[in-house]
Amino acid sequence: MIRGAIFDVDGTLLDTMPVWTDAGARYLASLGIEAEEGLGAKLFSMTVDMGAVYLKENYPLSQSLSEIKKGINGAVENYYFTEADFKPGARELLDQMKEAGIRMSVATSTDKYCILAAFERLDCASYFDVILTCGEVGASKSNPKIFYEAIKAMNTPVEETWLFEDGLYSIKTAKAEGFKIVGVYDSVSEADQEEIRIWSDIYVRDLSRLSVQSGFLTGGADW
């Protein structure tokens, strides 16, 4: 039975993970500078501050570290405001859940203003009882606090609330608390897919493989 759904955004509802690896290259391109091959993979494991230092040390940039950091963040921000789109099946699943009366919420690590900009452009912000960010609740998804805040807003029990997520550490956190899990494939998390399969109650290539029927979530991977 599913009465509530908590959705991650990046890599689950929206196809935004590539911009987090491409932000440095996008920023350099805005300055007419071609990025080295593999720059995204290097920066993805760094904080924005560390990435700014790397670009300053390895490219002919006259900008200060704070200006470079602002430029990287601006490249990400612009993507949410103008380009971010649903992953396959996401909009259709949200529509099904809304029609079925299933409560929905968001738990994300991304700044709320970026999420709201994308959701308002895609006309889906009103689907959710609450949009929670890790920054707002003061804890990462390695801590279950954000998930409990979500069910408080939805007024749904843990055992009938499903988390839709592509990140392994978040899946492990919620599963340990008794939430049901839909593991969603995203190429950025390729190395974690086998573990994600193990921890998930349902595992899907994309959300188009899911449907809501008589209050139950059905579907799964057919690879």
Protein backbone atom coordinates (compact mmCIF):
# COMPACT_ATOMS: atom_id res chain seq x y z
CA MET A 1 0.00 0.00 0.00
CA ILE A 2 1.22 3.52 -0.75
CA ARG A 3 -0.27 6.52 1.01
CA GLY A 4 2.71 8.87 0.80
CA ALA A 5 5.66 9.44 -1.53
CA ILE A 6 8.89 11.26 -0.83
CA PHE A 7 10.79 12.20 -3.96
CA ASP A 8 14.42 13.06 -4.42
CA VAL A 9 14.79 15.53 -7.29
CA ASP A 10 18.22 15.36 -8.95
CA GLY A 11 18.57 12.08 -10.83
CA THR A 12 15.11 10.89 -9.76
CA LEU A 13 12.43 13.37 -10.87
CA LEU A 14 14.60 15.71 -12.91
CA ASP A 15 17.45 14.93 -15.27
CA THR A 16 19.79 17.40 -13.61
CA MET A 17 22.77 15.33 -12.50
CA PRO A 18 24.79 16.09 -15.67
CA VAL A 19 24.89 19.81 -14.87
CA TRP A 20 26.66 19.07 -11.60
CA THR A 21 29.49 17.46 -13.56
CA ASP A 22 29.33 20.01 -16.41
CA ALA A 23 29.13 23.22 -14.34
CA GLY A 24 32.86 23.91 -14.45
CA ALA A 25 33.04 23.38 -18.20
CA ARG A 26 29.94 25.53 -18.72
CA TYR A 27 31.52 28.33 -16.71
CA LEU A 28 34.77 28.11 -18.68
CA ALA A 29 32.85 28.06 -21.96
CA SER A 30 31.10 31.30 -20.96
CA LEU A 31 34.58 32.83 -20.83
CA GLY A 32 35.63 31.36 -24.16
CA ILE A 33 37.88 28.75 -22.56
CA GLU A 34 37.78 25.10 -23.56
CA ALA A 35 37.76 22.65 -20.65
CA GLU A 36 40.08 19.68 -20.47
CA GLU A 37 38.68 16.24 -21.10
CA GLY A 38 37.43 14.70 -17.87
CA LEU A 39 37.13 17.99 -15.98
CA GLY A 40 33.60 17.13 -14.83
CA ALA A 41 34.70 13.89 -13.18
CA LYS A 42 37.45 15.75 -11.32
CA LEU A 43 35.18 18.52 -10.07
CA PHE A 44 32.25 16.24 -9.16
CA SER A 45 34.13 14.89 -6.15
CA MET A 46 35.06 18.40 -4.97
CA THR A 47 33.17 21.12 -3.12
CA VAL A 48 32.48 24.30 -5.09
CA ASP A 49 35.27 26.01 -3.14
CA MET A 50 37.73 23.27 -4.06
CA GLY A 51 36.57 23.37 -7.67
CA ALA A 52 37.16 27.11 -7.82
CA VAL A 53 40.72 26.63 -6.57
CA TYR A 54 41.32 23.92 -9.19
CA LEU A 55 40.09 26.15 -12.03
CA LYS A 56 42.13 29.10 -10.76
CA GLU A 57 45.30 26.99 -10.62
CA ASN A 58 44.84 25.23 -13.95
CA TYR A 59 43.24 27.79 -16.29
CA PRO A 60 44.16 31.36 -17.28
CA LEU A 61 41.54 33.05 -15.10
CA SER A 62 41.92 36.61 -13.81
CA GLN A 63 38.79 36.26 -11.67
CA SER A 64 39.02 35.91 -7.90
CA LEU A 65 38.10 32.62 -6.21
CA SER A 66 34.80 34.12 -5.06
CA GLU A 67 34.00 35.23 -8.61
CA ILE A 68 34.83 31.77 -9.97
CA LYS A 69 32.67 30.13 -7.33
CA LYS A 70 29.82 32.50 -8.21
CA GLY A 71 30.28 31.64 -11.89
CA ILE A 72 30.13 27.89 -11.25
CA ASN A 73 27.01 28.29 -9.11
CA GLY A 74 25.51 30.52 -11.77
CA ALA A 75 25.94 27.82 -14.40
CA VAL A 76 24.04 25.37 -12.18
CA GLU A 77 21.37 27.90 -11.28
CA ASN A 78 20.75 28.82 -14.91
CA TYR A 79 20.17 25.16 -15.77
CA TYR A 80 17.35 24.85 -13.23
CA PHE A 81 15.80 28.11 -14.31
CA THR A 82 15.88 27.42 -18.07
CA GLU A 83 16.67 23.81 -19.01
CA ALA A 84 15.99 21.19 -16.31
CA ASP A 85 13.36 18.70 -17.42
CA PHE A 86 11.64 15.59 -16.09
CA LYS A 87 13.26 12.20 -16.36
CA PRO A 88 11.22 9.68 -18.41
CA GLY A 89 7.91 8.80 -16.76
CA ALA A 90 8.25 11.26 -13.88
CA ARG A 91 5.47 13.66 -14.87
CA GLU A 92 3.11 10.80 -15.68
CA LEU A 93 3.73 9.15 -12.30
CA LEU A 94 3.13 12.41 -10.46
CA ASP A 95 -0.16 12.80 -12.33
CA GLN A 96 -1.21 9.26 -11.39
CA MET A 97 -0.40 9.83 -7.74
CA LYS A 98 -2.24 13.14 -7.64
CA GLU A 99 -5.32 11.53 -9.17
CA ALA A 100 -5.12 8.63 -6.69
CA GLY A 101 -4.94 11.01 -3.72
CA ILE A 102 -1.44 9.96 -2.67
CA ARG A 103 0.34 12.62 -0.64
CA MET A 104 3.66 13.77 -2.08
CA SER A 105 6.69 15.62 -0.77
CA VAL A 106 10.26 16.40 -1.79
CA ALA A 107 13.52 15.78 0.06
CA THR A 108 16.50 17.29 -1.74
CA SER A 109 20.07 18.43 -1.14
CA THR A 110 19.72 21.23 -3.70
CA ASP A 111 18.83 24.81 -2.74
CA LYS A 112 15.08 25.36 -2.68
CA TYR A 113 15.09 28.38 -4.98
CA CYS A 114 16.57 26.23 -7.77
CA ILE A 115 14.05 23.44 -7.22
CA LEU A 116 11.12 25.88 -7.10
CA ALA A 117 12.29 27.62 -10.28
CA ALA A 118 12.32 24.31 -12.15
CA PHE A 119 9.04 23.08 -10.65
CA GLU A 120 7.21 26.32 -11.37
CA ARG A 121 8.46 26.29 -14.95
CA LEU A 122 7.34 22.66 -15.27
CA ASP A 123 4.03 23.42 -13.50
CA CYS A 124 4.32 20.79 -10.75
CA ALA A 125 5.12 22.73 -7.56
CA SER A 126 1.51 22.43 -6.34
CA TYR A 127 1.69 18.62 -6.37
CA PHE A 128 3.73 18.55 -3.17
CA ASP A 129 2.66 19.11 0.42
CA VAL A 130 6.15 20.27 1.26
CA ILE A 131 9.53 20.75 -0.44
CA LEU A 132 12.30 20.14 2.07
CA THR A 133 16.01 20.74 1.64
CA CYS A 134 18.87 19.37 3.67
CA GLY A 135 20.02 22.91 4.30
CA GLU A 136 16.68 23.82 5.85
CA VAL A 137 16.45 20.81 8.15
CA GLY A 138 20.11 21.03 9.12
CA ALA A 139 21.09 17.49 8.22
CA SER A 140 22.14 15.50 5.16
CA LYS A 141 20.24 12.45 3.98
CA SER A 142 22.63 10.32 5.97
CA ASN A 143 20.34 11.41 8.82
CA PRO A 144 16.61 10.46 8.64
CA LYS A 145 15.44 13.86 9.92
CA ILE A 146 14.37 15.11 6.49
CA PHE A 147 12.24 12.02 5.89
CA TYR A 148 10.44 12.38 9.21
CA GLU A 149 9.76 16.04 8.45
CA ALA A 150 8.22 14.91 5.16
CA ILE A 151 5.85 12.37 6.71
CA LYS A 152 4.89 14.91 9.35
CA ALA A 153 3.79 17.28 6.59
CA MET A 154 1.98 14.53 4.67
CA ASN A 155 0.52 12.82 7.76
CA THR A 156 1.36 9.37 6.43
CA PRO A 157 2.79 6.38 8.32
CA VAL A 158 6.36 5.28 7.69
CA GLU A 159 5.34 1.79 6.57
CA GLU A 160 3.05 3.20 3.86
CA THR A 161 5.43 5.92 2.69
CA TRP A 162 7.78 5.25 -0.21
CA LEU A 163 11.05 7.04 -0.95
CA PHE A 164 11.93 7.49 -4.63
CA GLU A 165 15.69 7.97 -4.78
CA ASP A 166 18.81 7.41 -6.90
CA GLY A 167 21.38 7.93 -4.13
CA LEU A 168 22.62 4.90 -2.21
CA TYR A 169 23.39 6.63 1.09
CA SER A 170 19.91 8.17 1.21
CA ILE A 171 18.30 4.83 0.36
CA LYS A 172 20.18 3.11 3.17
CA THR A 173 19.14 5.78 5.66
CA ALA A 174 15.44 5.57 4.84
CA LYS A 175 15.37 1.77 4.56
CA ALA A 176 16.85 1.43 8.06
CA GLU A 177 13.92 3.50 9.38
CA GLY A 178 11.28 1.29 7.77
CA PHE A 179 10.44 3.30 4.65
CA LYS A 180 9.70 1.47 1.41
CA ILE A 181 12.19 2.23 -1.36
CA VAL A 182 11.97 2.74 -5.10
CA GLY A 183 15.54 2.77 -6.38
CA VAL A 184 15.85 4.79 -9.59
CA TYR A 185 18.74 4.33 -12.00
CA ASP A 186 20.91 7.31 -12.84
CA SER A 187 24.15 7.02 -14.78
CA VAL A 188 26.05 9.23 -12.33
CA SER A 189 25.53 6.49 -9.69
CA GLU A 190 26.50 3.66 -12.04
CA ALA A 191 28.98 2.16 -9.58
CA ASP A 192 26.31 1.85 -6.87
CA GLN A 193 23.61 0.12 -8.92
CA GLU A 194 24.05 -3.39 -7.56
CA GLU A 195 23.80 -2.18 -3.98
CA ILE A 196 20.85 0.04 -4.84
CA ARG A 197 19.06 -3.00 -6.27
CA ILE A 198 19.66 -4.91 -3.02
CA TRP A 199 18.36 -2.14 -0.77
CA SER A 200 15.31 -1.27 -2.90
CA ASP A 201 11.84 -2.81 -2.64
CA ILE A 202 11.33 -1.85 -6.30
CA TYR A 203 14.15 -0.97 -8.67
CA VAL A 204 13.51 0.77 -12.00
CA ARG A 205 15.43 2.04 -14.98
CA ASP A 206 13.08 5.02 -15.00
CA LEU A 207 9.72 6.00 -13.51
CA SER A 208 7.78 5.10 -16.67
CA ARG A 209 7.95 1.48 -15.46
CA LEU A 210 5.75 2.28 -12.44
CA SER A 211 2.01 2.70 -12.05
CA VAL A 212 -0.46 3.19 -9.21
CA GLN A 213 -3.33 0.71 -9.10
CA SER A 214 -5.90 0.52 -6.31
CA GLY A 215 -3.55 2.18 -3.84
CA PHE A 216 -0.62 -0.08 -4.67
CA LEU A 217 2.59 0.70 -6.52
CA THR A 218 3.30 -1.77 -9.29
CA GLY A 219 6.10 -2.28 -11.78
CA GLY A 220 9.80 -2.83 -11.74
CA ALA A 221 12.87 -3.31 -13.86
CA ASP A 222 12.83 -5.45 -16.97
CA TRP A 223 16.39 -5.12 -18.24
